[in-house]
Amino acid sequence: MTVASSSGLKLKASWLFKEFDDATTDVTLVNEYEPPGVFQLMGGLVRSTVEKATAQSLERLKRQVEATANKAPAKKRATKV
């Protein structure tokens, strides 16, 4: 899933999901952004702020998904006979 800004800060964020046989999923978030004007001069500060916000966002997503998964009925899997 990918989203991009239509105005203001140039931002493109892509969420990549990879499901595994053990019913787990890896989620990767890739942020691409271009800070405007003076913020380009403070690249390190902007980068660390974005990285921190990204980590917090992924942690919130993980908690929400796990909480929802714990409430959902278990999926029935086909059994080989």
N, C-alpha and C. Protein backbone atom coordinates (compact mmCIF):
# COMPACT_ATOMS: atom_id res chain seq x y z
N MET A 1 0.86 -1.14 0.00
CA MET A 1 0.00 0.00 0.00
C MET A 1 0.91 1.22 0.00
N THR A 2 0.59 2.19 -0.85
CA THR A 2 1.41 3.40 -0.94
C THR A 2 0.52 4.63 -0.90
N VAL A 3 0.96 5.63 -0.16
CA VAL A 3 0.27 6.92 -0.13
C VAL A 3 1.30 8.01 -0.44
N ALA A 4 0.82 9.10 -1.02
CA ALA A 4 1.70 10.22 -1.34
C ALA A 4 0.97 11.52 -1.08
N SER A 5 1.72 12.54 -0.69
CA SER A 5 1.12 13.85 -0.44
C SER A 5 0.74 14.49 -1.77
N SER A 6 -0.30 15.30 -1.74
CA SER A 6 -0.71 16.01 -2.94
C SER A 6 -0.34 17.49 -2.86
N SER A 7 0.05 17.94 -1.66
CA SER A 7 0.51 19.33 -1.50
C SER A 7 1.37 19.41 -0.24
N GLY A 8 2.03 20.53 -0.07
CA GLY A 8 2.88 20.72 1.11
C GLY A 8 4.14 19.88 1.04
N LEU A 9 4.52 19.31 2.15
CA LEU A 9 5.72 18.47 2.24
C LEU A 9 5.61 17.31 1.26
N LYS A 10 6.64 17.13 0.44
CA LYS A 10 6.65 16.01 -0.49
C LYS A 10 6.93 14.74 0.29
N LEU A 11 5.96 13.85 0.31
CA LEU A 11 6.06 12.63 1.10
C LEU A 11 5.44 11.46 0.36
N LYS A 12 6.11 10.34 0.40
CA LYS A 12 5.58 9.08 -0.14
C LYS A 12 5.88 8.00 0.89
N ALA A 13 4.85 7.29 1.30
CA ALA A 13 5.02 6.24 2.29
C ALA A 13 4.46 4.94 1.72
N SER A 14 5.23 3.88 1.84
CA SER A 14 4.80 2.57 1.34
C SER A 14 4.83 1.57 2.48
N TRP A 15 3.73 0.83 2.64
CA TRP A 15 3.63 -0.23 3.63
C TRP A 15 3.76 -1.54 2.87
N LEU A 16 4.70 -2.37 3.28
CA LEU A 16 4.91 -3.68 2.66
C LEU A 16 4.55 -4.76 3.67
N PHE A 17 3.70 -5.69 3.27
CA PHE A 17 3.25 -6.76 4.16
C PHE A 17 3.70 -8.10 3.60
N LYS A 18 4.28 -8.94 4.45
CA LYS A 18 4.69 -10.28 4.04
C LYS A 18 4.16 -11.27 5.07
N GLU A 19 3.23 -12.12 4.62
CA GLU A 19 2.61 -13.10 5.51
C GLU A 19 3.38 -14.41 5.44
N PHE A 20 3.49 -15.06 6.59
CA PHE A 20 4.20 -16.33 6.68
C PHE A 20 3.25 -17.46 7.05
N ASP A 21 3.68 -18.68 6.82
CA ASP A 21 2.86 -19.87 7.10
C ASP A 21 2.50 -20.01 8.58
N ASP A 22 3.30 -19.44 9.46
CA ASP A 22 3.03 -19.57 10.90
C ASP A 22 2.04 -18.52 11.41
N ALA A 23 1.31 -17.88 10.48
CA ALA A 23 0.29 -16.87 10.78
C ALA A 23 0.87 -15.56 11.31
N THR A 24 2.15 -15.31 11.06
CA THR A 24 2.75 -14.03 11.41
C THR A 24 2.93 -13.21 10.14
N THR A 25 3.11 -11.93 10.32
CA THR A 25 3.29 -11.03 9.18
C THR A 25 4.38 -10.02 9.51
N ASP A 26 5.28 -9.82 8.58
CA ASP A 26 6.26 -8.75 8.69
C ASP A 26 5.68 -7.52 8.01
N VAL A 27 5.84 -6.36 8.66
CA VAL A 27 5.38 -5.11 8.09
C VAL A 27 6.58 -4.18 8.00
N THR A 28 6.78 -3.62 6.82
CA THR A 28 7.88 -2.68 6.60
C THR A 28 7.28 -1.37 6.10
N LEU A 29 7.71 -0.28 6.68
CA LEU A 29 7.28 1.05 6.25
C LEU A 29 8.47 1.75 5.64
N VAL A 30 8.31 2.22 4.41
CA VAL A 30 9.36 2.97 3.73
C VAL A 30 8.84 4.38 3.52
N ASN A 31 9.54 5.36 4.10
CA ASN A 31 9.18 6.77 3.96
C ASN A 31 10.18 7.45 3.02
N GLU A 32 9.66 8.17 2.06
CA GLU A 32 10.50 9.00 1.20
C GLU A 32 9.94 10.42 1.33
N TYR A 33 10.80 11.36 1.65
CA TYR A 33 10.33 12.72 1.85
C TYR A 33 11.39 13.71 1.42
N GLU A 34 10.94 14.90 1.09
CA GLU A 34 11.83 15.98 0.71
C GLU A 34 11.48 17.19 1.57
N PRO A 35 12.29 17.47 2.59
CA PRO A 35 11.98 18.60 3.46
C PRO A 35 12.10 19.93 2.69
N PRO A 36 11.19 20.84 2.96
CA PRO A 36 11.23 22.13 2.25
C PRO A 36 12.28 23.08 2.82
N GLY A 37 12.76 23.95 1.98
CA GLY A 37 13.61 25.08 2.34
C GLY A 37 14.66 24.83 3.40
N VAL A 38 14.55 25.59 4.50
CA VAL A 38 15.55 25.58 5.57
C VAL A 38 15.70 24.20 6.20
N PHE A 39 14.65 23.38 6.16
CA PHE A 39 14.71 22.05 6.76
C PHE A 39 15.71 21.14 6.03
N GLN A 40 15.99 21.46 4.76
CA GLN A 40 17.00 20.68 4.02
C GLN A 40 18.37 20.86 4.67
N LEU A 41 18.60 22.01 5.26
CA LEU A 41 19.88 22.28 5.92
C LEU A 41 20.00 21.52 7.24
N MET A 42 18.86 21.09 7.78
CA MET A 42 18.85 20.38 9.06
C MET A 42 18.50 18.91 8.83
N GLY A 43 19.03 18.35 7.75
CA GLY A 43 18.71 16.98 7.35
C GLY A 43 18.79 15.96 8.46
N GLY A 44 19.85 15.99 9.26
CA GLY A 44 20.03 15.01 10.34
C GLY A 44 18.94 15.10 11.39
N LEU A 45 18.56 16.32 11.76
CA LEU A 45 17.51 16.52 12.75
C LEU A 45 16.16 16.04 12.21
N VAL A 46 15.87 16.41 10.97
CA VAL A 46 14.62 15.99 10.35
C VAL A 46 14.58 14.47 10.24
N ARG A 47 15.69 13.88 9.80
CA ARG A 47 15.76 12.42 9.62
C ARG A 47 15.50 11.70 10.93
N SER A 48 16.14 12.14 12.01
CA SER A 48 15.97 11.46 13.30
C SER A 48 14.53 11.62 13.81
N THR A 49 13.92 12.77 13.56
CA THR A 49 12.53 12.98 13.97
C THR A 49 11.60 12.06 13.20
N VAL A 50 11.82 11.94 11.89
CA VAL A 50 11.00 11.06 11.05
C VAL A 50 11.21 9.60 11.47
N GLU A 51 12.44 9.20 11.72
CA GLU A 51 12.71 7.82 12.13
C GLU A 51 12.03 7.48 13.45
N LYS A 52 12.06 8.42 14.40
CA LYS A 52 11.41 8.20 15.69
C LYS A 52 9.89 8.08 15.51
N ALA A 53 9.31 8.98 14.72
CA ALA A 53 7.87 8.94 14.48
C ALA A 53 7.47 7.65 13.75
N THR A 54 8.31 7.20 12.84
CA THR A 54 8.05 5.96 12.10
C THR A 54 8.06 4.76 13.05
N ALA A 55 9.05 4.70 13.91
CA ALA A 55 9.13 3.59 14.88
C ALA A 55 7.90 3.58 15.79
N GLN A 56 7.48 4.75 16.24
CA GLN A 56 6.30 4.84 17.10
C GLN A 56 5.04 4.42 16.34
N SER A 57 4.94 4.82 15.09
CA SER A 57 3.79 4.46 14.26
C SER A 57 3.71 2.95 14.06
N LEU A 58 4.85 2.33 13.77
CA LEU A 58 4.87 0.88 13.58
C LEU A 58 4.52 0.14 14.87
N GLU A 59 4.98 0.65 16.01
CA GLU A 59 4.67 0.02 17.29
C GLU A 59 3.17 0.11 17.58
N ARG A 60 2.56 1.26 17.31
CA ARG A 60 1.11 1.41 17.50
C ARG A 60 0.34 0.47 16.57
N LEU A 61 0.78 0.38 15.32
CA LEU A 61 0.14 -0.53 14.38
C LEU A 61 0.23 -1.96 14.87
N LYS A 62 1.40 -2.35 15.36
CA LYS A 62 1.60 -3.71 15.86
C LYS A 62 0.63 -4.01 17.01
N ARG A 63 0.53 -3.08 17.96
CA ARG A 63 -0.38 -3.29 19.10
C ARG A 63 -1.83 -3.40 18.64
N GLN A 64 -2.23 -2.55 17.71
CA GLN A 64 -3.61 -2.58 17.21
C GLN A 64 -3.91 -3.87 16.47
N VAL A 65 -3.00 -4.29 15.62
CA VAL A 65 -3.21 -5.53 14.85
C VAL A 65 -3.25 -6.73 15.78
N GLU A 66 -2.33 -6.79 16.74
CA GLU A 66 -2.30 -7.92 17.66
C GLU A 66 -3.55 -7.94 18.54
N ALA A 67 -4.03 -6.78 18.97
CA ALA A 67 -5.24 -6.72 19.78
C ALA A 67 -6.44 -7.20 18.97
N THR A 68 -6.52 -6.79 17.72
CA THR A 68 -7.61 -7.22 16.85
C THR A 68 -7.52 -8.71 16.56
N ALA A 69 -6.32 -9.20 16.34
CA ALA A 69 -6.12 -10.63 16.04
C ALA A 69 -6.53 -11.49 17.24
N ASN A 70 -6.28 -11.00 18.44
CA ASN A 70 -6.64 -11.75 19.64
C ASN A 70 -8.15 -11.81 19.85
N LYS A 71 -8.90 -10.86 19.29
CA LYS A 71 -10.35 -10.83 19.42
C LYS A 71 -11.05 -11.59 18.30
N ALA A 72 -10.37 -11.74 17.17
CA ALA A 72 -10.97 -12.37 16.00
C ALA A 72 -11.03 -13.88 16.18
N PRO A 73 -12.06 -14.51 15.61
CA PRO A 73 -12.12 -15.98 15.67
C PRO A 73 -10.95 -16.56 14.87
N ALA A 74 -10.45 -17.67 15.34
CA ALA A 74 -9.32 -18.31 14.67
C ALA A 74 -9.73 -18.79 13.28
N LYS A 75 -8.82 -18.66 12.34
CA LYS A 75 -9.07 -19.15 10.99
C LYS A 75 -8.98 -20.66 10.98
N LYS A 76 -9.87 -21.28 10.26
CA LYS A 76 -9.79 -22.73 10.11
C LYS A 76 -8.85 -23.03 8.95
N ARG A 77 -7.95 -23.91 9.18
CA ARG A 77 -6.98 -24.28 8.15
C ARG A 77 -7.29 -25.67 7.64
N ALA A 78 -7.05 -25.83 6.37
CA ALA A 78 -7.28 -27.14 5.76
C ALA A 78 -6.31 -28.15 6.36
N THR A 79 -6.81 -29.34 6.63
CA THR A 79 -5.98 -30.39 7.17
C THR A 79 -5.85 -31.50 6.15
N LYS A 80 -4.62 -31.92 5.92
CA LYS A 80 -4.39 -33.02 4.98
C LYS A 80 -4.70 -34.34 5.67
N VAL A 81 -5.39 -35.20 4.97
CA VAL A 81 -5.75 -36.50 5.56
C VAL A 81 -5.01 -37.59 4.85
